[in-house]
PDB file of N, CA and C in Angstrom:
ATOM      1  N   MET A   1      -7.816   4.398  12.447  1.00  0.00           N
ATOM      2  CA  MET A   1      -7.191   4.501  11.193  1.00  0.00           C
ATOM      3  C   MET A   1      -7.898   3.477  10.321  1.00  0.00           C
ATOM      4  N   LYS A   2      -7.923   3.936   9.077  1.00  0.00           N
ATOM      5  CA  LYS A   2      -8.628   3.017   8.015  1.00  0.00           C
ATOM      6  C   LYS A   2      -7.558   2.688   7.155  1.00  0.00           C
ATOM      7  N   ILE A   3      -7.221   1.400   7.069  1.00  0.00           N
ATOM      8  CA  ILE A   3      -6.079   0.924   6.346  1.00  0.00           C
ATOM      9  C   ILE A   3      -6.616  -0.062   4.951  1.00  0.00           C
ATOM     10  N   LEU A   4      -5.945   0.267   3.978  1.00  0.00           N
ATOM     11  CA  LEU A   4      -6.002  -0.749   2.997  1.00  0.00           C
ATOM     12  C   LEU A   4      -4.710  -1.429   2.626  1.00  0.00           C
ATOM     13  N   MET A   5      -4.905  -2.832   2.729  1.00  0.00           N
ATOM     14  CA  MET A   5      -3.763  -3.693   2.537  1.00  0.00           C
ATOM     15  C   MET A   5      -3.719  -4.365   1.406  1.00  0.00           C
ATOM     16  N   ILE A   6      -2.792  -4.009   0.292  1.00  0.00           N
ATOM     17  CA  ILE A   6      -2.906  -4.796  -0.964  1.00  0.00           C
ATOM     18  C   ILE A   6      -1.695  -5.781  -1.090  1.00  0.00           C
ATOM     19  N   ASP A   7      -2.121  -6.984  -1.217  1.00  0.00           N
ATOM     20  CA  ASP A   7      -0.850  -7.881  -1.357  1.00  0.00           C
ATOM     21  C   ASP A   7      -1.366  -9.092  -1.914  1.00  0.00           C
ATOM     22  N   ASP A   8      -0.857  -9.710  -3.115  1.00  0.00           N
ATOM     23  CA  ASP A   8      -1.269 -10.926  -3.489  1.00  0.00           C
ATOM     24  C   ASP A   8      -0.894 -12.260  -2.789  1.00  0.00           C
ATOM     25  N   ASN A   9      -0.074 -12.147  -1.740  1.00  0.00           N
ATOM     26  CA  ASN A   9       0.248 -13.157  -0.857  1.00  0.00           C
ATOM     27  C   ASN A   9      -0.759 -13.091   0.442  1.00  0.00           C
ATOM     28  N   GLU A  10      -1.863 -13.964   0.251  1.00  0.00           N
ATOM     29  CA  GLU A  10      -2.856 -13.895   1.191  1.00  0.00           C
ATOM     30  C   GLU A  10      -2.417 -14.156   2.491  1.00  0.00           C
ATOM     31  N   ASP A  11      -1.436 -14.866   2.819  1.00  0.00           N
ATOM     32  CA  ASP A  11      -0.893 -15.144   4.018  1.00  0.00           C
ATOM     33  C   ASP A  11      -0.391 -13.630   4.953  1.00  0.00           C
ATOM     34  N   ILE A  12       0.401 -13.005   4.041  1.00  0.00           N
ATOM     35  CA  ILE A  12       0.865 -11.848   4.442  1.00  0.00           C
ATOM     36  C   ILE A  12      -0.180 -10.742   4.737  1.00  0.00           C
ATOM     37  N   ALA A  13      -1.105 -10.617   3.650  1.00  0.00           N
ATOM     38  CA  ALA A  13      -2.260  -9.733   3.941  1.00  0.00           C
ATOM     39  C   ALA A  13      -3.068  -9.936   5.177  1.00  0.00           C
ATOM     40  N   THR A  14      -3.231 -11.470   5.354  1.00  0.00           N
ATOM     41  CA  THR A  14      -4.278 -11.752   6.325  1.00  0.00           C
ATOM     42  C   THR A  14      -3.667 -11.514   7.765  1.00  0.00           C
ATOM     43  N   ALA A  15      -2.190 -11.861   7.753  1.00  0.00           N
ATOM     44  CA  ALA A  15      -1.573 -11.601   9.091  1.00  0.00           C
ATOM     45  C   ALA A  15      -1.488 -10.100   9.477  1.00  0.00           C
ATOM     46  N   PHE A  16      -1.116  -9.233   8.410  1.00  0.00           N
ATOM     47  CA  PHE A  16      -1.149  -7.636   8.722  1.00  0.00           C
ATOM     48  C   PHE A  16      -2.562  -7.397   9.114  1.00  0.00           C
ATOM     49  N   SER A  17      -3.644  -7.623   8.320  1.00  0.00           N
ATOM     50  CA  SER A  17      -4.797  -7.349   8.771  1.00  0.00           C
ATOM     51  C   SER A  17      -5.470  -7.647  10.055  1.00  0.00           C
ATOM     52  N   LYS A  18      -5.069  -8.878  10.521  1.00  0.00           N
ATOM     53  CA  LYS A  18      -5.313  -9.448  11.935  1.00  0.00           C
ATOM     54  C   LYS A  18      -4.770  -8.569  12.819  1.00  0.00           C
ATOM     55  N   TYR A  19      -3.347  -8.015  12.562  1.00  0.00           N
ATOM     56  CA  TYR A  19      -2.740  -7.346  13.430  1.00  0.00           C
ATOM     57  C   TYR A  19      -3.115  -5.866  13.585  1.00  0.00           C
ATOM     58  N   PHE A  20      -3.592  -5.339  12.449  1.00  0.00           N
ATOM     59  CA  PHE A  20      -4.118  -4.061  12.454  1.00  0.00           C
ATOM     60  C   PHE A  20      -5.460  -3.961  13.258  1.00  0.00           C
ATOM     61  N   ILE A  21      -6.269  -4.908  12.855  1.00  0.00           N
ATOM     62  CA  ILE A  21      -7.709  -5.091  13.732  1.00  0.00           C
ATOM     63  C   ILE A  21      -7.416  -5.301  15.253  1.00  0.00           C
ATOM     64  N   TYR A  22      -6.563  -5.963  15.310  1.00  0.00           N
ATOM     65  CA  TYR A  22      -6.038  -6.328  16.973  1.00  0.00           C
ATOM     66  C   TYR A  22      -5.710  -5.013  17.693  1.00  0.00           C
ATOM     67  N   LYS A  23      -5.158  -4.086  16.890  1.00  0.00           N
ATOM     68  CA  LYS A  23      -4.556  -2.655  17.276  1.00  0.00           C
ATOM     69  C   LYS A  23      -5.870  -1.862  17.096  1.00  0.00           C
ATOM     70  N   ASP A  24      -6.866  -2.065  16.923  1.00  0.00           N
ATOM     71  CA  ASP A  24      -8.139  -1.194  16.930  1.00  0.00           C
ATOM     72  C   ASP A  24      -8.296  -0.231  15.451  1.00  0.00           C
ATOM     73  N   HIS A  25      -7.704  -0.847  14.480  1.00  0.00           N
ATOM     74  CA  HIS A  25      -7.750  -0.097  13.245  1.00  0.00           C
ATOM     75  C   HIS A  25      -8.668  -0.976  12.375  1.00  0.00           C
ATOM     76  N   ASP A  26      -9.173  -0.197  11.578  1.00  0.00           N
ATOM     77  CA  ASP A  26     -10.110  -0.836  10.424  1.00  0.00           C
ATOM     78  C   ASP A  26      -9.275  -1.088   9.183  1.00  0.00           C
ATOM     79  N   CYS A  27      -9.326  -2.330   8.712  1.00  0.00           N
ATOM     80  CA  CYS A  27      -8.217  -2.908   7.680  1.00  0.00           C
ATOM     81  C   CYS A  27      -9.194  -3.754   6.720  1.00  0.00           C
ATOM     82  N   SER A  28      -8.956  -3.075   5.536  1.00  0.00           N
ATOM     83  CA  SER A  28      -9.640  -3.832   4.478  1.00  0.00           C
ATOM     84  C   SER A  28      -8.436  -4.445   3.577  1.00  0.00           C
ATOM     85  N   VAL A  29      -8.742  -5.705   2.956  1.00  0.00           N
ATOM     86  CA  VAL A  29      -7.657  -6.333   2.299  1.00  0.00           C
ATOM     87  C   VAL A  29      -8.191  -6.607   0.656  1.00  0.00           C
ATOM     88  N   SER A  30      -7.141  -6.582  -0.238  1.00  0.00           N
ATOM     89  CA  SER A  30      -7.380  -6.803  -1.507  1.00  0.00           C
ATOM     90  C   SER A  30      -6.120  -7.686  -1.815  1.00  0.00           C
ATOM     91  N   ASN A  31      -6.457  -8.743  -2.430  1.00  0.00           N
ATOM     92  CA  ASN A  31      -5.213  -9.749  -3.028  1.00  0.00           C
ATOM     93  C   ASN A  31      -4.979  -9.406  -4.479  1.00  0.00           C
ATOM     94  N   ASP A  32      -5.674  -8.678  -5.108  1.00  0.00           N
ATOM     95  CA  ASP A  32      -5.523  -8.579  -6.656  1.00  0.00           C
ATOM     96  C   ASP A  32      -5.642  -7.093  -6.890  1.00  0.00           C
ATOM     97  N   GLY A  33      -4.601  -6.558  -7.794  1.00  0.00           N
ATOM     98  CA  GLY A  33      -4.465  -5.255  -8.156  1.00  0.00           C
ATOM     99  C   GLY A  33      -5.685  -4.562  -8.704  1.00  0.00           C
ATOM    100  N   GLN A  34      -6.300  -5.376  -9.671  1.00  0.00           N
ATOM    101  CA  GLN A  34      -7.526  -4.620 -10.284  1.00  0.00           C
ATOM    102  C   GLN A  34      -8.795  -4.135  -9.150  1.00  0.00           C
ATOM    103  N   ASN A  35      -9.015  -5.232  -8.256  1.00  0.00           N
ATOM    104  CA  ASN A  35      -9.957  -5.104  -7.297  1.00  0.00           C
ATOM    105  C   ASN A  35      -9.409  -3.884  -6.412  1.00  0.00           C
ATOM    106  N   ALA A  36      -8.187  -3.929  -5.864  1.00  0.00           N
ATOM    107  CA  ALA A  36      -7.682  -2.891  -4.992  1.00  0.00           C
ATOM    108  C   ALA A  36      -7.928  -1.493  -5.730  1.00  0.00           C
ATOM    109  N   LEU A  37      -7.706  -1.279  -7.014  1.00  0.00           N
ATOM    110  CA  LEU A  37      -7.808  -0.095  -7.580  1.00  0.00           C
ATOM    111  C   LEU A  37      -9.192   0.347  -7.638  1.00  0.00           C
ATOM    112  N   SER A  38     -10.166  -0.507  -7.723  1.00  0.00           N
ATOM    113  CA  SER A  38     -11.541  -0.320  -7.526  1.00  0.00           C
ATOM    114  C   SER A  38     -12.008   0.093  -5.995  1.00  0.00           C
ATOM    115  N   MET A  39     -11.260  -0.548  -5.130  1.00  0.00           N
ATOM    116  CA  MET A  39     -11.500  -0.143  -3.582  1.00  0.00           C
ATOM    117  C   MET A  39     -11.038   1.290  -3.465  1.00  0.00           C
ATOM    118  N   ILE A  40      -9.860   1.601  -4.079  1.00  0.00           N
ATOM    119  CA  ILE A  40      -9.371   2.897  -3.976  1.00  0.00           C
ATOM    120  C   ILE A  40     -10.244   4.020  -4.433  1.00  0.00           C
ATOM    121  N   GLU A  41     -10.662   3.746  -5.474  1.00  0.00           N
ATOM    122  CA  GLU A  41     -11.577   4.640  -6.368  1.00  0.00           C
ATOM    123  C   GLU A  41     -12.959   4.775  -5.540  1.00  0.00           C
ATOM    124  N   ASN A  42     -13.344   3.774  -4.936  1.00  0.00           N
ATOM    125  CA  ASN A  42     -14.767   4.166  -4.280  1.00  0.00           C
ATOM    126  C   ASN A  42     -14.839   4.107  -2.835  1.00  0.00           C
ATOM    127  N   ASN A  43     -13.555   4.053  -2.057  1.00  0.00           N
ATOM    128  CA  ASN A  43     -13.404   4.322  -0.506  1.00  0.00           C
ATOM    129  C   ASN A  43     -12.500   5.243  -0.261  1.00  0.00           C
ATOM    130  N   SER A  44     -12.511   5.666   0.900  1.00  0.00           N
ATOM    131  CA  SER A  44     -11.542   6.561   1.411  1.00  0.00           C
ATOM    132  C   SER A  44     -10.712   5.781   2.709  1.00  0.00           C
ATOM    133  N   PHE A  45      -9.285   5.923   2.625  1.00  0.00           N
ATOM    134  CA  PHE A  45      -8.498   5.047   3.376  1.00  0.00           C
ATOM    135  C   PHE A  45      -7.462   6.241   3.856  1.00  0.00           C
ATOM    136  N   ASP A  46      -7.014   5.930   5.108  1.00  0.00           N
ATOM    137  CA  ASP A  46      -6.038   6.822   5.680  1.00  0.00           C
ATOM    138  C   ASP A  46      -4.666   6.613   5.268  1.00  0.00           C
ATOM    139  N   VAL A  47      -4.394   5.293   5.010  1.00  0.00           N
ATOM    140  CA  VAL A  47      -3.165   4.796   4.509  1.00  0.00           C
ATOM    141  C   VAL A  47      -3.631   3.556   3.674  1.00  0.00           C
ATOM    142  N   ILE A  48      -2.637   3.519   2.401  1.00  0.00           N
ATOM    143  CA  ILE A  48      -2.621   2.301   1.521  1.00  0.00           C
ATOM    144  C   ILE A  48      -1.396   1.592   1.713  1.00  0.00           C
ATOM    145  N   LEU A  49      -1.396   0.422   2.136  1.00  0.00           N
ATOM    146  CA  LEU A  49      -0.065  -0.247   1.992  1.00  0.00           C
ATOM    147  C   LEU A  49      -0.220  -1.301   0.718  1.00  0.00           C
ATOM    148  N   MET A  50       0.753  -1.106   0.085  1.00  0.00           N
ATOM    149  CA  MET A  50       0.706  -1.924  -1.222  1.00  0.00           C
ATOM    150  C   MET A  50       2.028  -2.747  -1.673  1.00  0.00           C
ATOM    151  N   ASP A  51       1.847  -4.064  -2.089  1.00  0.00           N
ATOM    152  CA  ASP A  51       3.005  -4.733  -2.540  1.00  0.00           C
ATOM    153  C   ASP A  51       3.086  -4.185  -4.108  1.00  0.00           C
ATOM    154  N   LEU A  52       4.213  -4.237  -4.592  1.00  0.00           N
ATOM    155  CA  LEU A  52       4.502  -4.066  -6.003  1.00  0.00           C
ATOM    156  C   LEU A  52       4.409  -5.105  -6.906  1.00  0.00           C
ATOM    157  N   ALA A  53       4.911  -6.258  -6.447  1.00  0.00           N
ATOM    158  CA  ALA A  53       5.006  -7.319  -7.507  1.00  0.00           C
ATOM    159  C   ALA A  53       3.666  -8.149  -7.401  1.00  0.00           C
ATOM    160  N   MET A  54       2.964  -7.919  -8.060  1.00  0.00           N
ATOM    161  CA  MET A  54       1.516  -8.937  -8.065  1.00  0.00           C
ATOM    162  C   MET A  54       1.288  -9.266  -9.621  1.00  0.00           C
ATOM    163  N   PRO A  55       0.628 -10.362  -9.900  1.00  0.00           N
ATOM    164  CA  PRO A  55       0.313 -10.851 -11.261  1.00  0.00           C
ATOM    165  C   PRO A  55      -0.717 -10.187 -11.822  1.00  0.00           C
ATOM    166  N   ASN A  56      -0.671  -9.880 -13.071  1.00  0.00           N
ATOM    167  CA  ASN A  56      -1.783  -9.385 -13.779  1.00  0.00           C
ATOM    168  C   ASN A  56      -1.781  -7.784 -13.678  1.00  0.00           C
ATOM    169  N   PHE A  57      -1.998  -7.294 -12.714  1.00  0.00           N
ATOM    170  CA  PHE A  57      -2.101  -5.759 -12.498  1.00  0.00           C
ATOM    171  C   PHE A  57      -1.390  -5.508 -11.118  1.00  0.00           C
ATOM    172  N   SER A  58      -0.233  -4.914 -11.412  1.00  0.00           N
ATOM    173  CA  SER A  58       0.980  -4.809 -10.261  1.00  0.00           C
ATOM    174  C   SER A  58       0.620  -3.541  -9.357  1.00  0.00           C
ATOM    175  N   GLY A  59       1.152  -3.304  -8.356  1.00  0.00           N
ATOM    176  CA  GLY A  59       1.363  -2.117  -7.616  1.00  0.00           C
ATOM    177  C   GLY A  59       1.862  -1.092  -8.628  1.00  0.00           C
ATOM    178  N   TYR A  60       2.707  -1.073  -9.345  1.00  0.00           N
ATOM    179  CA  TYR A  60       3.141  -0.096 -10.361  1.00  0.00           C
ATOM    180  C   TYR A  60       1.871   0.150 -11.151  1.00  0.00           C
ATOM    181  N   ASP A  61       1.194  -0.725 -11.787  1.00  0.00           N
ATOM    182  CA  ASP A  61      -0.105  -0.408 -12.507  1.00  0.00           C
ATOM    183  C   ASP A  61      -1.143   0.399 -11.607  1.00  0.00           C
ATOM    184  N   ILE A  62      -1.184   0.013 -10.426  1.00  0.00           N
ATOM    185  CA  ILE A  62      -2.319   0.774  -9.577  1.00  0.00           C
ATOM    186  C   ILE A  62      -1.755   2.385  -9.627  1.00  0.00           C
ATOM    187  N   VAL A  63      -0.441   2.530  -9.213  1.00  0.00           N
ATOM    188  CA  VAL A  63      -0.107   3.752  -9.165  1.00  0.00           C
ATOM    189  C   VAL A  63      -0.022   4.686 -10.318  1.00  0.00           C
ATOM    190  N   GLU A  64       0.278   3.989 -11.486  1.00  0.00           N
ATOM    191  CA  GLU A  64       0.120   4.793 -12.795  1.00  0.00           C
ATOM    192  C   GLU A  64      -1.350   5.199 -13.067  1.00  0.00           C
ATOM    193  N   SER A  65      -2.245   3.972 -12.836  1.00  0.00           N
ATOM    194  CA  SER A  65      -3.609   4.251 -13.316  1.00  0.00           C
ATOM    195  C   SER A  65      -4.181   5.413 -12.237  1.00  0.00           C
ATOM    196  N   LEU A  66      -3.777   5.625 -11.232  1.00  0.00           N
ATOM    197  CA  LEU A  66      -4.417   6.604 -10.257  1.00  0.00           C
ATOM    198  C   LEU A  66      -3.640   8.107 -10.702  1.00  0.00           C
ATOM    199  N   TYR A  67      -2.545   7.797 -11.000  1.00  0.00           N
ATOM    200  CA  TYR A  67      -1.593   9.037 -11.371  1.00  0.00           C
ATOM    201  C   TYR A  67      -2.181   9.629 -12.635  1.00  0.00           C
ATOM    202  N   ASN A  68      -2.220   8.821 -13.802  1.00  0.00           N
ATOM    203  CA  ASN A  68      -2.762   9.174 -14.992  1.00  0.00           C
ATOM    204  C   ASN A  68      -4.287   9.818 -14.973  1.00  0.00           C
ATOM    205  N   ARG A  69      -5.059   9.339 -13.907  1.00  0.00           N
ATOM    206  CA  ARG A  69      -6.459  10.161 -13.844  1.00  0.00           C
ATOM    207  C   ARG A  69      -6.530  11.075 -12.660  1.00  0.00           C
ATOM    208  N   ASN A  70      -5.386  11.603 -12.310  1.00  0.00           N
ATOM    209  CA  ASN A  70      -5.342  12.645 -11.144  1.00  0.00           C
ATOM    210  C   ASN A  70      -6.102  11.977  -9.929  1.00  0.00           C
ATOM    211  N   LEU A  71      -5.937  10.900  -9.669  1.00  0.00           N
ATOM    212  CA  LEU A  71      -6.766  10.282  -8.390  1.00  0.00           C
ATOM    213  C   LEU A  71      -5.664   9.906  -7.121  1.00  0.00           C
ATOM    214  N   ILE A  72      -4.489  10.282  -7.312  1.00  0.00           N
ATOM    215  CA  ILE A  72      -3.328   9.957  -6.345  1.00  0.00           C
ATOM    216  C   ILE A  72      -3.105  11.007  -5.375  1.00  0.00           C
ATOM    217  N   ASN A  73      -3.490  12.091  -5.722  1.00  0.00           N
ATOM    218  CA  ASN A  73      -3.349  13.237  -4.924  1.00  0.00           C
ATOM    219  C   ASN A  73      -4.201  13.124  -3.431  1.00  0.00           C
ATOM    220  N   ASN A  74      -3.563  13.298  -2.296  1.00  0.00           N
ATOM    221  CA  ASN A  74      -4.039  13.157  -1.153  1.00  0.00           C
ATOM    222  C   ASN A  74      -4.383  11.677  -0.490  1.00  0.00           C
ATOM    223  N   LYS A  75      -3.693  10.793  -1.148  1.00  0.00           N
ATOM    224  CA  LYS A  75      -3.651   9.359  -0.760  1.00  0.00           C
ATOM    225  C   LYS A  75      -2.319   9.259  -0.083  1.00  0.00           C
ATOM    226  N   LEU A  76      -2.127   8.824   0.849  1.00  0.00           N
ATOM    227  CA  LEU A  76      -1.114   8.310   1.704  1.00  0.00           C
ATOM    228  C   LEU A  76      -0.747   7.033   1.281  1.00  0.00           C
ATOM    229  N   ILE A  77       0.071   6.571   0.241  1.00  0.00           N
ATOM    230  CA  ILE A  77       0.496   5.207  -0.285  1.00  0.00           C
ATOM    231  C   ILE A  77       1.948   4.847   0.207  1.00  0.00           C
ATOM    232  N   VAL A  78       2.057   3.643   1.019  1.00  0.00           N
ATOM    233  CA  VAL A  78       3.232   3.231   1.381  1.00  0.00           C
ATOM    234  C   VAL A  78       3.449   1.867   0.567  1.00  0.00           C
ATOM    235  N   VAL A  79       4.621   1.838  -0.038  1.00  0.00           N
ATOM    236  CA  VAL A  79       4.658   0.590  -0.846  1.00  0.00           C
ATOM    237  C   VAL A  79       5.627  -0.386  -0.058  1.00  0.00           C
ATOM    238  N   LEU A  80       5.318  -1.527  -0.035  1.00  0.00           N
ATOM    239  CA  LEU A  80       5.892  -2.792   0.632  1.00  0.00           C
ATOM    240  C   LEU A  80       6.492  -3.748  -0.123  1.00  0.00           C
ATOM    241  N   THR A  81       7.655  -3.747  -0.412  1.00  0.00           N
ATOM    242  CA  THR A  81       8.293  -4.869  -1.534  1.00  0.00           C
ATOM    243  C   THR A  81       9.460  -5.623  -0.950  1.00  0.00           C
ATOM    244  N   ALA A  82       9.421  -6.947  -1.370  1.00  0.00           N
ATOM    245  CA  ALA A  82      10.380  -7.749  -1.091  1.00  0.00           C
ATOM    246  C   ALA A  82      11.465  -7.742  -2.289  1.00  0.00           C
ATOM    247  N   SER A  83      11.107  -7.247  -3.475  1.00  0.00           N
ATOM    248  CA  SER A  83      11.927  -7.199  -4.447  1.00  0.00           C
ATOM    249  C   SER A  83      12.993  -6.035  -4.396  1.00  0.00           C
ATOM    250  N   SER A  84      14.086  -6.138  -5.014  1.00  0.00           N
ATOM    251  CA  SER A  84      15.116  -5.111  -4.895  1.00  0.00           C
ATOM    252  C   SER A  84      14.477  -4.026  -5.843  1.00  0.00           C
ATOM    253  N   ILE A  85      14.778  -2.695  -5.490  1.00  0.00           N
ATOM    254  CA  ILE A  85      14.232  -1.708  -6.314  1.00  0.00           C
ATOM    255  C   ILE A  85      15.143  -0.727  -6.308  1.00  0.00           C
ATOM    256  N   SER A  86      15.370  -0.029  -7.560  1.00  0.00           N
ATOM    257  CA  SER A  86      16.359   0.862  -7.654  1.00  0.00           C
ATOM    258  C   SER A  86      16.002   2.306  -7.190  1.00  0.00           C
ATOM    259  N   GLU A  87      17.036   3.067  -6.956  1.00  0.00           N
ATOM    260  CA  GLU A  87      16.693   4.469  -6.470  1.00  0.00           C
ATOM    261  C   GLU A  87      15.974   5.255  -7.610  1.00  0.00           C
ATOM    262  N   GLU A  88      16.140   4.937  -8.942  1.00  0.00           N
ATOM    263  CA  GLU A  88      15.399   5.547  -9.815  1.00  0.00           C
ATOM    264  C   GLU A  88      14.155   5.161  -9.860  1.00  0.00           C
ATOM    265  N   ASP A  89      13.662   3.884  -9.556  1.00  0.00           N
ATOM    266  CA  ASP A  89      12.144   3.399  -9.609  1.00  0.00           C
ATOM    267  C   ASP A  89      11.566   3.835  -8.303  1.00  0.00           C
ATOM    268  N   LYS A  90      12.370   4.083  -7.283  1.00  0.00           N
ATOM    269  CA  LYS A  90      12.051   4.670  -5.916  1.00  0.00           C
ATOM    270  C   LYS A  90      11.420   6.177  -6.415  1.00  0.00           C
ATOM    271  N   ASN A  91      12.283   6.907  -6.905  1.00  0.00           N
ATOM    272  CA  ASN A  91      12.193   8.263  -6.989  1.00  0.00           C
ATOM    273  C   ASN A  91      10.705   8.425  -8.081  1.00  0.00           C
ATOM    274  N   ASP A  92      10.748   7.533  -9.015  1.00  0.00           N
ATOM    275  CA  ASP A  92       9.849   7.621 -10.065  1.00  0.00           C
ATOM    276  C   ASP A  92       8.444   7.520  -9.198  1.00  0.00           C
ATOM    277  N   LEU A  93       8.444   6.463  -8.451  1.00  0.00           N
ATOM    278  CA  LEU A  93       7.062   6.386  -7.639  1.00  0.00           C
ATOM    279  C   LEU A  93       6.804   7.393  -6.700  1.00  0.00           C
ATOM    280  N   LYS A  94       7.691   8.063  -5.988  1.00  0.00           N
ATOM    281  CA  LYS A  94       7.525   9.293  -5.381  1.00  0.00           C
ATOM    282  C   LYS A  94       6.973  10.448  -6.183  1.00  0.00           C
ATOM    283  N   LYS A  95       7.713  10.580  -7.287  1.00  0.00           N
ATOM    284  CA  LYS A  95       7.303  11.646  -8.219  1.00  0.00           C
ATOM    285  C   LYS A  95       5.630  11.181  -8.621  1.00  0.00           C
ATOM    286  N   ARG A  96       5.299  10.414  -8.533  1.00  0.00           N
ATOM    287  CA  ARG A  96       3.907   9.933  -9.152  1.00  0.00           C
ATOM    288  C   ARG A  96       2.913  10.081  -7.722  1.00  0.00           C
ATOM    289  N   GLY A  97       3.482  10.133  -6.580  1.00  0.00           N
ATOM    290  CA  GLY A  97       2.550  10.423  -5.489  1.00  0.00           C
ATOM    291  C   GLY A  97       2.769   9.302  -4.457  1.00  0.00           C
ATOM    292  N   VAL A  98       3.668   8.264  -4.370  1.00  0.00           N
ATOM    293  CA  VAL A  98       3.979   7.231  -3.237  1.00  0.00           C
ATOM    294  C   VAL A  98       4.524   8.087  -2.338  1.00  0.00           C
ATOM    295  N   HIS A  99       4.311   7.890  -1.033  1.00  0.00           N
ATOM    296  CA  HIS A  99       4.738   8.534   0.139  1.00  0.00           C
ATOM    297  C   HIS A  99       6.233   7.973   0.415  1.00  0.00           C
ATOM    298  N   SER A 100       6.206   6.606   0.426  1.00  0.00           N
ATOM    299  CA  SER A 100       7.485   5.925   0.735  1.00  0.00           C
ATOM    300  C   SER A 100       7.560   4.521   0.223  1.00  0.00           C
ATOM    301  N   VAL A 101       8.783   3.996   0.291  1.00  0.00           N
ATOM    302  CA  VAL A 101       8.908   2.584  -0.239  1.00  0.00           C
ATOM    303  C   VAL A 101       9.550   1.917   0.998  1.00  0.00           C
ATOM    304  N   LEU A 102       9.042   0.845   1.605  1.00  0.00           N
ATOM    305  CA  LEU A 102       9.803   0.020   2.704  1.00  0.00           C
ATOM    306  C   LEU A 102      10.032  -1.235   2.217  1.00  0.00           C
ATOM    307  N   LYS A 103      10.896  -2.055   2.615  1.00  0.00           N
ATOM    308  CA  LYS A 103      11.431  -3.473   2.394  1.00  0.00           C
ATOM    309  C   LYS A 103      10.799  -4.491   3.210  1.00  0.00           C
ATOM    310  N   LYS A 104      10.213  -5.490   2.622  1.00  0.00           N
ATOM    311  CA  LYS A 104       9.723  -6.519   3.430  1.00  0.00           C
ATOM    312  C   LYS A 104      10.791  -7.639   3.574  1.00  0.00           C
ATOM    313  N   PRO A 105      10.716  -8.307   4.720  1.00  0.00           N
ATOM    314  CA  PRO A 105       9.834  -8.558   5.625  1.00  0.00           C
ATOM    315  C   PRO A 105       9.912  -7.129   6.666  1.00  0.00           C
ATOM    316  N   ILE A 106       8.913  -6.833   7.133  1.00  0.00           N
ATOM    317  CA  ILE A 106       8.943  -5.786   8.273  1.00  0.00           C
ATOM    318  C   ILE A 106       8.077  -6.083   9.287  1.00  0.00           C
ATOM    319  N   ASP A 107       8.533  -5.739  10.404  1.00  0.00           N
ATOM    320  CA  ASP A 107       7.747  -6.066  11.756  1.00  0.00           C
ATOM    321  C   ASP A 107       6.514  -5.257  11.621  1.00  0.00           C
ATOM    322  N   PRO A 108       5.588  -5.820  12.057  1.00  0.00           N
ATOM    323  CA  PRO A 108       4.206  -5.004  12.115  1.00  0.00           C
ATOM    324  C   PRO A 108       4.272  -3.993  13.117  1.00  0.00           C
ATOM    325  N   ASP A 109       4.908  -4.049  14.243  1.00  0.00           N
ATOM    326  CA  ASP A 109       4.975  -2.910  15.365  1.00  0.00           C
ATOM    327  C   ASP A 109       5.697  -1.876  14.690  1.00  0.00           C
ATOM    328  N   GLU A 110       6.788  -2.114  14.039  1.00  0.00           N
ATOM    329  CA  GLU A 110       7.426  -0.972  13.397  1.00  0.00           C
ATOM    330  C   GLU A 110       6.606  -0.365  12.207  1.00  0.00           C
ATOM    331  N   LEU A 111       6.045  -1.130  11.510  1.00  0.00           N
ATOM    332  CA  LEU A 111       5.056  -0.480  10.385  1.00  0.00           C
ATOM    333  C   LEU A 111       4.222   0.290  10.871  1.00  0.00           C
ATOM    334  N   LEU A 112       3.488  -0.165  11.916  1.00  0.00           N
ATOM    335  CA  LEU A 112       2.405   0.747  12.635  1.00  0.00           C
ATOM    336  C   LEU A 112       2.981   1.908  13.126  1.00  0.00           C
ATOM    337  N   ASP A 113       4.083   1.868  13.775  1.00  0.00           N
ATOM    338  CA  ASP A 113       4.767   3.253  14.308  1.00  0.00           C
ATOM    339  C   ASP A 113       5.051   3.972  13.287  1.00  0.00           C
ATOM    340  N   TYR A 114       5.689   3.582  12.107  1.00  0.00           N
ATOM    341  CA  TYR A 114       5.962   4.292  10.950  1.00  0.00           C
ATOM    342  C   TYR A 114       4.763   5.109  10.300  1.00  0.00           C
ATOM    343  N   ILE A 115       3.715   4.248  10.276  1.00  0.00           N
ATOM    344  CA  ILE A 115       2.424   4.740   9.617  1.00  0.00           C
ATOM    345  C   ILE A 115       1.996   6.103  10.768  1.00  0.00           C
ATOM    346  N   ASN A 116       1.904   5.872  11.900  1.00  0.00           N
ATOM    347  CA  ASN A 116       1.493   6.765  12.766  1.00  0.00           C
ATOM    348  C   ASN A 116       2.450   8.047  12.852  1.00  0.00           C
ATOM    349  N   LYS A 117       3.726   7.828  12.521  1.00  0.00           N
ATOM    350  CA  LYS A 117       4.480   8.970  12.344  1.00  0.00           C
ATOM    351  C   LYS A 117       4.224   9.937  11.151  1.00  0.00           C
ATOM    352  N   ILE A 118       4.027   9.101  10.009  1.00  0.00           N
ATOM    353  CA  ILE A 118       3.925  10.091   8.848  1.00  0.00           C
ATOM    354  C   ILE A 118       2.442  10.411   8.515  1.00  0.00           C
ATOM    355  N   LYS A 119       1.546   9.718   9.317  1.00  0.00           N
ATOM    356  CA  LYS A 119       0.005  10.308   9.238  1.00  0.00           C
ATOM    357  C   LYS A 119      -0.218  11.431   9.964  1.00  0.00           C
ATOM    358  N   LYS A 120       0.673  12.070  10.741  1.00  0.00           N
ATOM    359  CA  LYS A 120       0.225  13.210  11.667  1.00  0.00           C
ATOM    360  C   LYS A 120       0.667  14.397  10.792  1.00  0.00           C
TER     361      LYS A 120
END
């Protein structure tokens, strides 16, 4: 599976990336929202794992940009957030094409199991 991990916290992104690679998956990392958007536009990923709260260009900004340019279709985006998020915000993200919103911290095994289930 080809995974894109987007998180401004380099420690979190690196830890998940190493875990996914250890489990025989290809994992790219971006610690910057604008760079992540470029990666999404220019590459194909089986799943995109994205933090919402990032400085300068947030996960919300990435979703909005993809949605407004009709580039979000057929992308499996899972949002990971440590922030509290309202049901209204979750529903808005889903209406725009986000598959699901999960709370951090999350166990890497549970996350990979979840991805494998929704990927089928």
